[in-house]
Every structure is written in structure tokens, then in C-alpha cells.
Amino acid sequence: MAVGVAYLNWADTDMIRDGDRHQVLHGLRSRMPFPAHRIQSPQLVAARLARAVERRRTAVYVPAWLRLVQPVRAALPSVVLRYARRELPRMAAEQPLLPTGPLGAGGRADERRRNSAHPDDR
């Protein structure tokens, strides 16, 4: 038996669409270098995931260029952090950056669950 891992970039989901409605999130994503800022269609993501499962792949990359990033994956969080620390002040100078709150249907469902949960469960 094998375990599979999916490495996905931006997929067209309600969470990403909701995020793009907020200036700060859209600005950060759209300022990423090509092709990192591109959003993949759900049909493409689903087809690649299904094909990977059918072929019992241990890893699938959507888009395929993400495979090239794999050797430096451990360094990416610090690169993204430096990028955000540089870009966020520039963006804030243009327009105030407001909190987004939960994004997408999943975020809203989680918020409803948390708000309706017993205080001891929070």
C-alpha cells in the first residue's frame, strides 16, 4: 500500500475566489511571478488527481511545474515570508489592509460551527 500526496498551487475554489475579492490577498497573489500567480481550473485539478489515483502515483503536482520546486520546497516558507513583509507595507501605503475573516464556504461553515459550539468546546 502507498500513500499519495497532492501538491497544488492556486485552484479555482470559493476560498480562492473569496480571497481575490480582498485587495491584500488578490494583490499578493497577482504580484507573484509567472506562472505562480495563475489559477488552475477545478476540472484540470480533478482530472490530474483522478489520473494520479488511477495510476497509484505517490505524488501529483498541479500544475506540473511545481515538481521543479520540490528540491527547494523547504526554503519556500521563508521566501514567502520575506516577500510578504516587503509587499504588504507597499500595499498598505496605497490602501488600508482590512481583515478578511473566513474565506469560502468551508471557512463560513467553520465559523458558524465555532459560534454555535458550547463555550467549553472552543
PDB file of N, CA and C in Angstrom:
ATOM      1  N   MET A   1       0.833  -1.166   0.000  1.00  0.00           N
ATOM      2  CA  MET A   1       0.000   0.000   0.000  1.00  0.00           C
ATOM      3  C   MET A   1       0.887   1.241   0.000  1.00  0.00           C
ATOM      4  N   ALA A   2       0.499   2.272  -0.749  1.00  0.00           N
ATOM      5  CA  ALA A   2       1.269   3.505  -0.841  1.00  0.00           C
ATOM      6  C   ALA A   2       0.393   4.686  -0.438  1.00  0.00           C
ATOM      7  N   VAL A   3       1.043   5.715  -0.027  1.00  0.00           N
ATOM      8  CA  VAL A   3       0.355   6.956   0.329  1.00  0.00           C
ATOM      9  C   VAL A   3       0.639   7.969  -0.756  1.00  0.00           C
ATOM     10  N   GLY A   4      -0.370   8.696  -1.159  1.00  0.00           N
ATOM     11  CA  GLY A   4      -0.192   9.715  -2.180  1.00  0.00           C
ATOM     12  C   GLY A   4      -0.270  11.105  -1.594  1.00  0.00           C
ATOM     13  N   VAL A   5       0.459  12.030  -2.197  1.00  0.00           N
ATOM     14  CA  VAL A   5       0.470  13.431  -1.776  1.00  0.00           C
ATOM     15  C   VAL A   5       0.186  14.288  -2.995  1.00  0.00           C
ATOM     16  N   ALA A   6      -0.707  15.263  -2.841  1.00  0.00           N
ATOM     17  CA  ALA A   6      -1.005  16.195  -3.922  1.00  0.00           C
ATOM     18  C   ALA A   6      -0.401  17.548  -3.581  1.00  0.00           C
ATOM     19  N   TYR A   7       0.389  18.069  -4.483  1.00  0.00           N
ATOM     20  CA  TYR A   7       0.969  19.405  -4.358  1.00  0.00           C
ATOM     21  C   TYR A   7       0.220  20.302  -5.332  1.00  0.00           C
ATOM     22  N   LEU A   8      -0.568  21.210  -4.791  1.00  0.00           N
ATOM     23  CA  LEU A   8      -1.411  22.069  -5.626  1.00  0.00           C
ATOM     24  C   LEU A   8      -0.995  23.518  -5.474  1.00  0.00           C
ATOM     25  N   ASN A   9      -1.086  24.250  -6.560  1.00  0.00           N
ATOM     26  CA  ASN A   9      -0.911  25.692  -6.497  1.00  0.00           C
ATOM     27  C   ASN A   9      -2.311  26.280  -6.347  1.00  0.00           C
ATOM     28  N   TRP A  10      -2.612  27.382  -6.943  1.00  0.00           N
ATOM     29  CA  TRP A  10      -3.924  28.006  -6.829  1.00  0.00           C
ATOM     30  C   TRP A  10      -4.945  27.242  -7.660  1.00  0.00           C
ATOM     31  N   ALA A  11      -6.017  26.785  -7.011  1.00  0.00           N
ATOM     32  CA  ALA A  11      -7.115  26.117  -7.709  1.00  0.00           C
ATOM     33  C   ALA A  11      -8.359  26.992  -7.586  1.00  0.00           C
ATOM     34  N   ASP A  12      -9.156  27.049  -8.614  1.00  0.00           N
ATOM     35  CA  ASP A  12     -10.343  27.900  -8.656  1.00  0.00           C
ATOM     36  C   ASP A  12     -11.431  27.322  -7.745  1.00  0.00           C
ATOM     37  N   THR A  13     -11.387  27.732  -6.489  1.00  0.00           N
ATOM     38  CA  THR A  13     -12.365  27.304  -5.477  1.00  0.00           C
ATOM     39  C   THR A  13     -13.020  28.541  -4.881  1.00  0.00           C
ATOM     40  N   ASP A  14     -14.103  28.349  -4.082  1.00  0.00           N
ATOM     41  CA  ASP A  14     -14.714  29.542  -3.469  1.00  0.00           C
ATOM     42  C   ASP A  14     -13.734  30.224  -2.529  1.00  0.00           C
ATOM     43  N   MET A  15     -12.854  29.477  -1.880  1.00  0.00           N
ATOM     44  CA  MET A  15     -11.904  30.098  -0.965  1.00  0.00           C
ATOM     45  C   MET A  15     -10.969  31.051  -1.735  1.00  0.00           C
ATOM     46  N   ILE A  16     -10.482  30.628  -2.886  1.00  0.00           N
ATOM     47  CA  ILE A  16      -9.586  31.485  -3.683  1.00  0.00           C
ATOM     48  C   ILE A  16     -10.365  32.657  -4.272  1.00  0.00           C
ATOM     49  N   ARG A  17     -11.574  32.399  -4.795  1.00  0.00           N
ATOM     50  CA  ARG A  17     -12.390  33.500  -5.327  1.00  0.00           C
ATOM     51  C   ARG A  17     -12.724  34.498  -4.240  1.00  0.00           C
ATOM     52  N   ASP A  18     -13.090  34.016  -3.036  1.00  0.00           N
ATOM     53  CA  ASP A  18     -13.352  34.919  -1.909  1.00  0.00           C
ATOM     54  C   ASP A  18     -12.100  35.719  -1.571  1.00  0.00           C
ATOM     55  N   GLY A  19     -10.959  35.052  -1.540  1.00  0.00           N
ATOM     56  CA  GLY A  19      -9.708  35.742  -1.239  1.00  0.00           C
ATOM     57  C   GLY A  19      -9.389  36.821  -2.245  1.00  0.00           C
ATOM     58  N   ASP A  20      -9.665  36.556  -3.511  1.00  0.00           N
ATOM     59  CA  ASP A  20      -9.378  37.539  -4.556  1.00  0.00           C
ATOM     60  C   ASP A  20     -10.271  38.773  -4.460  1.00  0.00           C
ATOM     61  N   ARG A  21     -11.336  38.709  -3.709  1.00  0.00           N
ATOM     62  CA  ARG A  21     -12.192  39.888  -3.506  1.00  0.00           C
ATOM     63  C   ARG A  21     -11.558  40.866  -2.516  1.00  0.00           C
ATOM     64  N   HIS A  22     -10.552  40.409  -1.794  1.00  0.00           N
ATOM     65  CA  HIS A  22      -9.868  41.254  -0.814  1.00  0.00           C
ATOM     66  C   HIS A  22      -8.574  41.771  -1.422  1.00  0.00           C
ATOM     67  N   GLN A  23      -8.398  43.060  -1.361  1.00  0.00           N
ATOM     68  CA  GLN A  23      -7.266  43.711  -2.012  1.00  0.00           C
ATOM     69  C   GLN A  23      -5.934  43.101  -1.618  1.00  0.00           C
ATOM     70  N   VAL A  24      -5.749  42.829  -0.343  1.00  0.00           N
ATOM     71  CA  VAL A  24      -4.449  42.329   0.108  1.00  0.00           C
ATOM     72  C   VAL A  24      -4.159  40.933  -0.454  1.00  0.00           C
ATOM     73  N   LEU A  25      -5.119  40.028  -0.407  1.00  0.00           N
ATOM     74  CA  LEU A  25      -4.884  38.670  -0.892  1.00  0.00           C
ATOM     75  C   LEU A  25      -4.747  38.639  -2.415  1.00  0.00           C
ATOM     76  N   HIS A  26      -5.614  39.372  -3.091  1.00  0.00           N
ATOM     77  CA  HIS A  26      -5.505  39.436  -4.551  1.00  0.00           C
ATOM     78  C   HIS A  26      -4.179  40.081  -4.949  1.00  0.00           C
ATOM     79  N   GLY A  27      -3.811  41.146  -4.249  1.00  0.00           N
ATOM     80  CA  GLY A  27      -2.557  41.828  -4.561  1.00  0.00           C
ATOM     81  C   GLY A  27      -1.348  40.934  -4.374  1.00  0.00           C
ATOM     82  N   LEU A  28      -1.312  40.186  -3.287  1.00  0.00           N
ATOM     83  CA  LEU A  28      -0.173  39.287  -3.055  1.00  0.00           C
ATOM     84  C   LEU A  28      -0.107  38.192  -4.118  1.00  0.00           C
ATOM     85  N   ARG A  29      -1.252  37.588  -4.434  1.00  0.00           N
ATOM     86  CA  ARG A  29      -1.253  36.517  -5.431  1.00  0.00           C
ATOM     87  C   ARG A  29      -0.895  37.059  -6.810  1.00  0.00           C
ATOM     88  N   SER A  30      -1.496  38.176  -7.207  1.00  0.00           N
ATOM     89  CA  SER A  30      -1.276  38.685  -8.563  1.00  0.00           C
ATOM     90  C   SER A  30       0.141  39.224  -8.757  1.00  0.00           C
ATOM     91  N   ARG A  31       0.839  39.571  -7.685  1.00  0.00           N
ATOM     92  CA  ARG A  31       2.215  40.064  -7.797  1.00  0.00           C
ATOM     93  C   ARG A  31       3.247  38.939  -7.808  1.00  0.00           C
ATOM     94  N   MET A  32       2.785  37.704  -7.641  1.00  0.00           N
ATOM     95  CA  MET A  32       3.719  36.576  -7.710  1.00  0.00           C
ATOM     96  C   MET A  32       4.233  36.452  -9.141  1.00  0.00           C
ATOM     97  N   PRO A  33       5.440  35.941  -9.315  1.00  0.00           N
ATOM     98  CA  PRO A  33       5.959  35.798 -10.676  1.00  0.00           C
ATOM     99  C   PRO A  33       5.182  34.753 -11.467  1.00  0.00           C
ATOM    100  N   PHE A  34       5.178  34.929 -12.797  1.00  0.00           N
ATOM    101  CA  PHE A  34       4.584  33.932 -13.678  1.00  0.00           C
ATOM    102  C   PHE A  34       5.425  32.668 -13.575  1.00  0.00           C
ATOM    103  N   PRO A  35       4.841  31.523 -13.523  1.00  0.00           N
ATOM    104  CA  PRO A  35       3.431  31.158 -13.595  1.00  0.00           C
ATOM    105  C   PRO A  35       2.794  30.967 -12.224  1.00  0.00           C
ATOM    106  N   ALA A  36       3.483  31.358 -11.154  1.00  0.00           N
ATOM    107  CA  ALA A  36       2.999  31.068  -9.796  1.00  0.00           C
ATOM    108  C   ALA A  36       1.678  31.735  -9.461  1.00  0.00           C
ATOM    109  N   HIS A  37       1.325  32.823 -10.123  1.00  0.00           N
ATOM    110  CA  HIS A  37       0.082  33.524  -9.792  1.00  0.00           C
ATOM    111  C   HIS A  37      -1.143  32.974 -10.505  1.00  0.00           C
ATOM    112  N   ARG A  38      -0.962  32.071 -11.442  1.00  0.00           N
ATOM    113  CA  ARG A  38      -2.085  31.561 -12.235  1.00  0.00           C
ATOM    114  C   ARG A  38      -2.987  30.637 -11.419  1.00  0.00           C
ATOM    115  N   ILE A  39      -4.282  30.733 -11.694  1.00  0.00           N
ATOM    116  CA  ILE A  39      -5.277  29.889 -11.034  1.00  0.00           C
ATOM    117  C   ILE A  39      -5.643  28.749 -11.983  1.00  0.00           C
ATOM    118  N   GLN A  40      -5.636  27.528 -11.461  1.00  0.00           N
ATOM    119  CA  GLN A  40      -5.961  26.339 -12.252  1.00  0.00           C
ATOM    120  C   GLN A  40      -7.456  26.046 -12.162  1.00  0.00           C
ATOM    121  N   SER A  41      -8.031  25.569 -13.245  1.00  0.00           N
ATOM    122  CA  SER A  41      -9.461  25.245 -13.248  1.00  0.00           C
ATOM    123  C   SER A  41      -9.710  24.001 -12.388  1.00  0.00           C
ATOM    124  N   PRO A  42     -10.890  23.930 -11.766  1.00  0.00           N
ATOM    125  CA  PRO A  42     -11.209  22.739 -10.971  1.00  0.00           C
ATOM    126  C   PRO A  42     -11.233  21.468 -11.823  1.00  0.00           C
ATOM    127  N   GLN A  43     -11.618  21.604 -13.095  1.00  0.00           N
ATOM    128  CA  GLN A  43     -11.649  20.441 -13.981  1.00  0.00           C
ATOM    129  C   GLN A  43     -10.234  19.887 -14.200  1.00  0.00           C
ATOM    130  N   LEU A  44      -9.260  20.777 -14.409  1.00  0.00           N
ATOM    131  CA  LEU A  44      -7.881  20.345 -14.598  1.00  0.00           C
ATOM    132  C   LEU A  44      -7.352  19.681 -13.331  1.00  0.00           C
ATOM    133  N   VAL A  45      -7.593  20.311 -12.183  1.00  0.00           N
ATOM    134  CA  VAL A  45      -7.126  19.752 -10.909  1.00  0.00           C
ATOM    135  C   VAL A  45      -7.749  18.382 -10.684  1.00  0.00           C
ATOM    136  N   ALA A  46      -9.066  18.264 -10.876  1.00  0.00           N
ATOM    137  CA  ALA A  46      -9.760  16.992 -10.659  1.00  0.00           C
ATOM    138  C   ALA A  46      -9.238  15.911 -11.609  1.00  0.00           C
ATOM    139  N   ALA A  47      -9.028  16.271 -12.867  1.00  0.00           N
ATOM    140  CA  ALA A  47      -8.538  15.288 -13.842  1.00  0.00           C
ATOM    141  C   ALA A  47      -7.144  14.782 -13.464  1.00  0.00           C
ATOM    142  N   ARG A  48      -6.268  15.698 -13.053  1.00  0.00           N
ATOM    143  CA  ARG A  48      -4.910  15.283 -12.670  1.00  0.00           C
ATOM    144  C   ARG A  48      -4.928  14.431 -11.401  1.00  0.00           C
ATOM    145  N   LEU A  49      -5.774  14.795 -10.443  1.00  0.00           N
ATOM    146  CA  LEU A  49      -5.877  13.997  -9.218  1.00  0.00           C
ATOM    147  C   LEU A  49      -6.435  12.609  -9.519  1.00  0.00           C
ATOM    148  N   ALA A  50      -7.485  12.545 -10.347  1.00  0.00           N
ATOM    149  CA  ALA A  50      -8.075  11.246 -10.702  1.00  0.00           C
ATOM    150  C   ALA A  50      -7.062  10.369 -11.425  1.00  0.00           C
ATOM    151  N   ARG A  51      -6.328  10.955 -12.366  1.00  0.00           N
ATOM    152  CA  ARG A  51      -5.322  10.179 -13.101  1.00  0.00           C
ATOM    153  C   ARG A  51      -4.235   9.672 -12.158  1.00  0.00           C
ATOM    154  N   ALA A  52      -3.830  10.489 -11.199  1.00  0.00           N
ATOM    155  CA  ALA A  52      -2.806  10.065 -10.235  1.00  0.00           C
ATOM    156  C   ALA A  52      -3.307   8.903  -9.374  1.00  0.00           C
ATOM    157  N   VAL A  53      -4.563   8.967  -8.961  1.00  0.00           N
ATOM    158  CA  VAL A  53      -5.139   7.877  -8.165  1.00  0.00           C
ATOM    159  C   VAL A  53      -5.235   6.610  -9.007  1.00  0.00           C
ATOM    160  N   GLU A  54      -5.729   6.755 -10.227  1.00  0.00           N
ATOM    161  CA  GLU A  54      -5.843   5.589 -11.116  1.00  0.00           C
ATOM    162  C   GLU A  54      -4.495   4.918 -11.350  1.00  0.00           C
ATOM    163  N   ARG A  55      -3.457   5.713 -11.443  1.00  0.00           N
ATOM    164  CA  ARG A  55      -2.114   5.166 -11.706  1.00  0.00           C
ATOM    165  C   ARG A  55      -1.336   4.886 -10.415  1.00  0.00           C
ATOM    166  N   ARG A  56      -2.016   5.066  -9.279  1.00  0.00           N
ATOM    167  CA  ARG A  56      -1.436   4.806  -7.957  1.00  0.00           C
ATOM    168  C   ARG A  56      -0.118   5.559  -7.754  1.00  0.00           C
ATOM    169  N   ARG A  57      -0.105   6.817  -8.180  1.00  0.00           N
ATOM    170  CA  ARG A  57       1.069   7.671  -8.016  1.00  0.00           C
ATOM    171  C   ARG A  57       1.224   8.055  -6.551  1.00  0.00           C
ATOM    172  N   THR A  58       2.448   8.186  -6.111  1.00  0.00           N
ATOM    173  CA  THR A  58       2.674   8.627  -4.732  1.00  0.00           C
ATOM    174  C   THR A  58       2.707  10.147  -4.635  1.00  0.00           C
ATOM    175  N   ALA A  59       2.832  10.836  -5.770  1.00  0.00           N
ATOM    176  CA  ALA A  59       2.813  12.303  -5.770  1.00  0.00           C
ATOM    177  C   ALA A  59       2.207  12.791  -7.074  1.00  0.00           C
ATOM    178  N   VAL A  60       1.457  13.884  -6.961  1.00  0.00           N
ATOM    179  CA  VAL A  60       0.909  14.551  -8.140  1.00  0.00           C
ATOM    180  C   VAL A  60       1.124  16.049  -7.950  1.00  0.00           C
ATOM    181  N   TYR A  61       1.498  16.719  -9.027  1.00  0.00           N
ATOM    182  CA  TYR A  61       1.778  18.155  -8.996  1.00  0.00           C
ATOM    183  C   TYR A  61       0.840  18.854  -9.968  1.00  0.00           C
ATOM    184  N   VAL A  62       0.073  19.812  -9.457  1.00  0.00           N
ATOM    185  CA  VAL A  62      -0.849  20.576 -10.300  1.00  0.00           C
ATOM    186  C   VAL A  62      -0.643  22.055  -9.973  1.00  0.00           C
ATOM    187  N   PRO A  63      -0.094  22.797 -10.915  1.00  0.00           N
ATOM    188  CA  PRO A  63       0.365  22.443 -12.244  1.00  0.00           C
ATOM    189  C   PRO A  63       1.681  21.660 -12.207  1.00  0.00           C
ATOM    190  N   ALA A  64       2.019  21.084 -13.334  1.00  0.00           N
ATOM    191  CA  ALA A  64       3.174  20.182 -13.405  1.00  0.00           C
ATOM    192  C   ALA A  64       4.493  20.861 -13.036  1.00  0.00           C
ATOM    193  N   TRP A  65       4.624  22.177 -13.277  1.00  0.00           N
ATOM    194  CA  TRP A  65       5.886  22.865 -12.975  1.00  0.00           C
ATOM    195  C   TRP A  65       6.216  22.838 -11.484  1.00  0.00           C
ATOM    196  N   LEU A  66       5.241  22.572 -10.616  1.00  0.00           N
ATOM    197  CA  LEU A  66       5.520  22.504  -9.171  1.00  0.00           C
ATOM    198  C   LEU A  66       6.549  21.420  -8.847  1.00  0.00           C
ATOM    199  N   ARG A  67       6.633  20.403  -9.680  1.00  0.00           N
ATOM    200  CA  ARG A  67       7.641  19.349  -9.471  1.00  0.00           C
ATOM    201  C   ARG A  67       9.044  19.957  -9.461  1.00  0.00           C
ATOM    202  N   LEU A  68       9.268  20.981 -10.255  1.00  0.00           N
ATOM    203  CA  LEU A  68      10.583  21.619 -10.326  1.00  0.00           C
ATOM    204  C   LEU A  68      10.947  22.335  -9.028  1.00  0.00           C
ATOM    205  N   VAL A  69       9.944  22.717  -8.253  1.00  0.00           N
ATOM    206  CA  VAL A  69      10.162  23.441  -6.998  1.00  0.00           C
ATOM    207  C   VAL A  69      10.461  22.472  -5.847  1.00  0.00           C
ATOM    208  N   GLN A  70      10.145  21.218  -6.027  1.00  0.00           N
ATOM    209  CA  GLN A  70      10.280  20.224  -4.956  1.00  0.00           C
ATOM    210  C   GLN A  70      11.649  20.245  -4.257  1.00  0.00           C
ATOM    211  N   PRO A  71      12.767  20.334  -4.986  1.00  0.00           N
ATOM    212  CA  PRO A  71      14.068  20.316  -4.289  1.00  0.00           C
ATOM    213  C   PRO A  71      14.294  21.489  -3.331  1.00  0.00           C
ATOM    214  N   VAL A  72      13.601  22.603  -3.554  1.00  0.00           N
ATOM    215  CA  VAL A  72      13.793  23.775  -2.687  1.00  0.00           C
ATOM    216  C   VAL A  72      12.554  24.070  -1.833  1.00  0.00           C
ATOM    217  N   ARG A  73      11.650  23.110  -1.758  1.00  0.00           N
ATOM    218  CA  ARG A  73      10.379  23.307  -1.040  1.00  0.00           C
ATOM    219  C   ARG A  73      10.575  23.742   0.401  1.00  0.00           C
ATOM    220  N   ALA A  74      11.586  23.222   1.082  1.00  0.00           N
ATOM    221  CA  ALA A  74      11.813  23.585   2.490  1.00  0.00           C
ATOM    222  C   ALA A  74      12.134  25.069   2.655  1.00  0.00           C
ATOM    223  N   ALA A  75      12.681  25.697   1.629  1.00  0.00           N
ATOM    224  CA  ALA A  75      13.051  27.114   1.716  1.00  0.00           C
ATOM    225  C   ALA A  75      11.881  28.046   1.401  1.00  0.00           C
ATOM    226  N   LEU A  76      10.813  27.531   0.817  1.00  0.00           N
ATOM    227  CA  LEU A  76       9.724  28.390   0.355  1.00  0.00           C
ATOM    228  C   LEU A  76       9.037  29.199   1.455  1.00  0.00           C
ATOM    229  N   PRO A  77       8.744  28.655   2.635  1.00  0.00           N
ATOM    230  CA  PRO A  77       8.083  29.492   3.649  1.00  0.00           C
ATOM    231  C   PRO A  77       8.865  30.763   3.984  1.00  0.00           C
ATOM    232  N   SER A  78      10.170  30.676   4.099  1.00  0.00           N
ATOM    233  CA  SER A  78      10.938  31.884   4.425  1.00  0.00           C
ATOM    234  C   SER A  78      10.962  32.852   3.242  1.00  0.00           C
ATOM    235  N   VAL A  79      10.972  32.344   2.016  1.00  0.00           N
ATOM    236  CA  VAL A  79      10.921  33.209   0.833  1.00  0.00           C
ATOM    237  C   VAL A  79       9.580  33.936   0.784  1.00  0.00           C
ATOM    238  N   VAL A  80       8.495  33.207   1.019  1.00  0.00           N
ATOM    239  CA  VAL A  80       7.158  33.807   1.010  1.00  0.00           C
ATOM    240  C   VAL A  80       7.037  34.846   2.124  1.00  0.00           C
ATOM    241  N   LEU A  81       7.566  34.549   3.290  1.00  0.00           N
ATOM    242  CA  LEU A  81       7.522  35.499   4.409  1.00  0.00           C
ATOM    243  C   LEU A  81       8.262  36.786   4.063  1.00  0.00           C
ATOM    244  N   ARG A  82       9.459  36.680   3.490  1.00  0.00           N
ATOM    245  CA  ARG A  82      10.223  37.876   3.097  1.00  0.00           C
ATOM    246  C   ARG A  82       9.462  38.676   2.045  1.00  0.00           C
ATOM    247  N   TYR A  83       8.879  37.971   1.088  1.00  0.00           N
ATOM    248  CA  TYR A  83       8.101  38.631   0.035  1.00  0.00           C
ATOM    249  C   TYR A  83       6.923  39.396   0.648  1.00  0.00           C
ATOM    250  N   ALA A  84       6.175  38.733   1.538  1.00  0.00           N
ATOM    251  CA  ALA A  84       5.007  39.368   2.166  1.00  0.00           C
ATOM    252  C   ALA A  84       5.432  40.568   3.010  1.00  0.00           C
ATOM    253  N   ARG A  85       6.521  40.451   3.745  1.00  0.00           N
ATOM    254  CA  ARG A  85       6.998  41.574   4.572  1.00  0.00           C
ATOM    255  C   ARG A  85       7.419  42.769   3.722  1.00  0.00           C
ATOM    256  N   ARG A  86       7.868  42.512   2.508  1.00  0.00           N
ATOM    257  CA  ARG A  86       8.261  43.599   1.606  1.00  0.00           C
ATOM    258  C   ARG A  86       7.027  44.205   0.936  1.00  0.00           C
ATOM    259  N   GLU A  87       6.102  43.357   0.478  1.00  0.00           N
ATOM    260  CA  GLU A  87       4.964  43.837  -0.308  1.00  0.00           C
ATOM    261  C   GLU A  87       3.834  44.432   0.534  1.00  0.00           C
ATOM    262  N   LEU A  88       3.558  43.866   1.703  1.00  0.00           N
ATOM    263  CA  LEU A  88       2.425  44.345   2.499  1.00  0.00           C
ATOM    264  C   LEU A  88       2.536  45.822   2.863  1.00  0.00           C
ATOM    265  N   PRO A  89       3.686  46.321   3.314  1.00  0.00           N
ATOM    266  CA  PRO A  89       3.762  47.762   3.585  1.00  0.00           C
ATOM    267  C   PRO A  89       3.518  48.618   2.341  1.00  0.00           C
ATOM    268  N   ARG A  90       3.994  48.158   1.183  1.00  0.00           N
ATOM    269  CA  ARG A  90       3.737  48.895  -0.063  1.00  0.00           C
ATOM    270  C   ARG A  90       2.245  48.943  -0.358  1.00  0.00           C
ATOM    271  N   MET A  91       1.587  47.804  -0.176  1.00  0.00           N
ATOM    272  CA  MET A  91       0.153  47.745  -0.434  1.00  0.00           C
ATOM    273  C   MET A  91      -0.621  48.588   0.575  1.00  0.00           C
ATOM    274  N   ALA A  92      -0.196  48.561   1.834  1.00  0.00           N
ATOM    275  CA  ALA A  92      -0.875  49.344   2.881  1.00  0.00           C
ATOM    276  C   ALA A  92      -0.739  50.837   2.629  1.00  0.00           C
ATOM    277  N   ALA A  93       0.348  51.253   2.012  1.00  0.00           N
ATOM    278  CA  ALA A  93       0.525  52.669   1.692  1.00  0.00           C
ATOM    279  C   ALA A  93      -0.469  53.121   0.628  1.00  0.00           C
ATOM    280  N   GLU A  94      -0.881  52.195  -0.243  1.00  0.00           N
ATOM    281  CA  GLU A  94      -1.839  52.511  -1.295  1.00  0.00           C
ATOM    282  C   GLU A  94      -3.273  52.538  -0.775  1.00  0.00           C
ATOM    283  N   GLN A  95      -3.576  51.602   0.141  1.00  0.00           N
ATOM    284  CA  GLN A  95      -4.947  51.467   0.651  1.00  0.00           C
ATOM    285  C   GLN A  95      -4.893  50.674   1.949  1.00  0.00           C
ATOM    286  N   PRO A  96      -5.711  51.042   2.956  1.00  0.00           N
ATOM    287  CA  PRO A  96      -5.691  50.280   4.211  1.00  0.00           C
ATOM    288  C   PRO A  96      -5.992  48.793   3.980  1.00  0.00           C
ATOM    289  N   LEU A  97      -5.275  47.940   4.660  1.00  0.00           N
ATOM    290  CA  LEU A  97      -5.469  46.500   4.536  1.00  0.00           C
ATOM    291  C   LEU A  97      -6.415  46.035   5.639  1.00  0.00           C
ATOM    292  N   LEU A  98      -7.574  45.571   5.240  1.00  0.00           N
ATOM    293  CA  LEU A  98      -8.605  45.163   6.187  1.00  0.00           C
ATOM    294  C   LEU A  98      -8.584  43.650   6.375  1.00  0.00           C
ATOM    295  N   PRO A  99      -8.974  43.161   7.562  1.00  0.00           N
ATOM    296  CA  PRO A  99      -9.034  41.711   7.780  1.00  0.00           C
ATOM    297  C   PRO A  99     -10.056  41.076   6.846  1.00  0.00           C
ATOM    298  N   THR A 100      -9.784  39.854   6.433  1.00  0.00           N
ATOM    299  CA  THR A 100     -10.685  39.169   5.507  1.00  0.00           C
ATOM    300  C   THR A 100     -11.737  38.326   6.213  1.00  0.00           C
ATOM    301  N   GLY A 101     -11.423  37.808   7.385  1.00  0.00           N
ATOM    302  CA  GLY A 101     -12.308  36.841   8.016  1.00  0.00           C
ATOM    303  C   GLY A 101     -12.222  35.519   7.287  1.00  0.00           C
ATOM    304  N   PRO A 102     -13.070  34.563   7.652  1.00  0.00           N
ATOM    305  CA  PRO A 102     -13.044  33.246   6.989  1.00  0.00           C
ATOM    306  C   PRO A 102     -13.343  33.381   5.501  1.00  0.00           C
ATOM    307  N   LEU A 103     -12.722  32.515   4.704  1.00  0.00           N
ATOM    308  CA  LEU A 103     -12.891  32.573   3.254  1.00  0.00           C
ATOM    309  C   LEU A 103     -13.585  31.318   2.745  1.00  0.00           C
ATOM    310  N   GLY A 104     -14.461  31.483   1.770  1.00  0.00           N
ATOM    311  CA  GLY A 104     -15.127  30.355   1.125  1.00  0.00           C
ATOM    312  C   GLY A 104     -16.188  29.724   1.996  1.00  0.00           C
ATOM    313  N   ALA A 105     -16.903  28.798   1.408  1.00  0.00           N
ATOM    314  CA  ALA A 105     -17.986  28.114   2.115  1.00  0.00           C
ATOM    315  C   ALA A 105     -17.455  27.349   3.320  1.00  0.00           C
ATOM    316  N   GLY A 106     -16.291  26.743   3.187  1.00  0.00           N
ATOM    317  CA  GLY A 106     -15.715  25.993   4.312  1.00  0.00           C
ATOM    318  C   GLY A 106     -15.379  26.892   5.483  1.00  0.00           C
ATOM    319  N   GLY A 107     -14.810  28.051   5.210  1.00  0.00           N
ATOM    320  CA  GLY A 107     -14.486  28.999   6.273  1.00  0.00           C
ATOM    321  C   GLY A 107     -15.737  29.511   6.970  1.00  0.00           C
ATOM    322  N   ARG A 108     -16.772  29.793   6.184  1.00  0.00           N
ATOM    323  CA  ARG A 108     -18.028  30.262   6.785  1.00  0.00           C
ATOM    324  C   ARG A 108     -18.690  29.161   7.604  1.00  0.00           C
ATOM    325  N   ALA A 109     -18.649  27.925   7.124  1.00  0.00           N
ATOM    326  CA  ALA A 109     -19.225  26.807   7.875  1.00  0.00           C
ATOM    327  C   ALA A 109     -18.469  26.601   9.178  1.00  0.00           C
ATOM    328  N   ASP A 110     -17.153  26.698   9.143  1.00  0.00           N
ATOM    329  CA  ASP A 110     -16.353  26.548  10.355  1.00  0.00           C
ATOM    330  C   ASP A 110     -16.682  27.654  11.352  1.00  0.00           C
ATOM    331  N   GLU A 111     -16.837  28.873  10.862  1.00  0.00           N
ATOM    332  CA  GLU A 111     -17.177  29.988  11.746  1.00  0.00           C
ATOM    333  C   GLU A 111     -18.547  29.767  12.388  1.00  0.00           C
ATOM    334  N   ARG A 112     -19.532  29.286  11.601  1.00  0.00           N
ATOM    335  CA  ARG A 112     -20.859  29.008  12.175  1.00  0.00           C
ATOM    336  C   ARG A 112     -20.765  27.926  13.243  1.00  0.00           C
ATOM    337  N   ARG A 113     -19.976  26.877  12.964  1.00  0.00           N
ATOM    338  CA  ARG A 113     -19.823  25.791  13.929  1.00  0.00           C
ATOM    339  C   ARG A 113     -19.185  26.311  15.210  1.00  0.00           C
ATOM    340  N   ARG A 114     -18.161  27.112  15.073  1.00  0.00           N
ATOM    341  CA  ARG A 114     -17.485  27.661  16.261  1.00  0.00           C
ATOM    342  C   ARG A 114     -18.415  28.554  17.072  1.00  0.00           C
ATOM    343  N   ASN A 115     -19.217  29.366  16.373  1.00  0.00           N
ATOM    344  CA  ASN A 115     -20.124  30.281  17.075  1.00  0.00           C
ATOM    345  C   ASN A 115     -21.261  29.547  17.761  1.00  0.00           C
ATOM    346  N   SER A 116     -21.623  28.366  17.259  1.00  0.00           N
ATOM    347  CA  SER A 116     -22.726  27.622  17.862  1.00  0.00           C
ATOM    348  C   SER A 116     -22.241  26.576  18.855  1.00  0.00           C
ATOM    349  N   ALA A 117     -20.922  26.368  18.935  1.00  0.00           N
ATOM    350  CA  ALA A 117     -20.384  25.346  19.840  1.00  0.00           C
ATOM    351  C   ALA A 117     -20.517  25.785  21.294  1.00  0.00           C
ATOM    352  N   HIS A 118     -20.552  24.800  22.155  1.00  0.00           N
ATOM    353  CA  HIS A 118     -20.563  25.048  23.592  1.00  0.00           C
ATOM    354  C   HIS A 118     -19.265  25.769  23.961  1.00  0.00           C
ATOM    355  N   PRO A 119     -19.306  26.767  24.872  1.00  0.00           N
ATOM    356  CA  PRO A 119     -18.091  27.515  25.225  1.00  0.00           C
ATOM    357  C   PRO A 119     -16.910  26.628  25.642  1.00  0.00           C
ATOM    358  N   ASP A 120     -17.170  25.485  26.260  1.00  0.00           N
ATOM    359  CA  ASP A 120     -16.076  24.609  26.670  1.00  0.00           C
ATOM    360  C   ASP A 120     -15.422  23.897  25.501  1.00  0.00           C
ATOM    361  N   ASP A 121     -16.109  23.858  24.321  1.00  0.00           N
ATOM    362  CA  ASP A 121     -15.588  23.167  23.146  1.00  0.00           C
ATOM    363  C   ASP A 121     -14.738  24.074  22.273  1.00  0.00           C
ATOM    364  N   ARG A 122     -14.665  25.359  22.576  1.00  0.00           N
ATOM    365  CA  ARG A 122     -13.949  26.298  21.700  1.00  0.00           C
ATOM    366  C   ARG A 122     -12.490  26.302  21.943  1.00  0.00           C
TER     367      ARG A 122
END
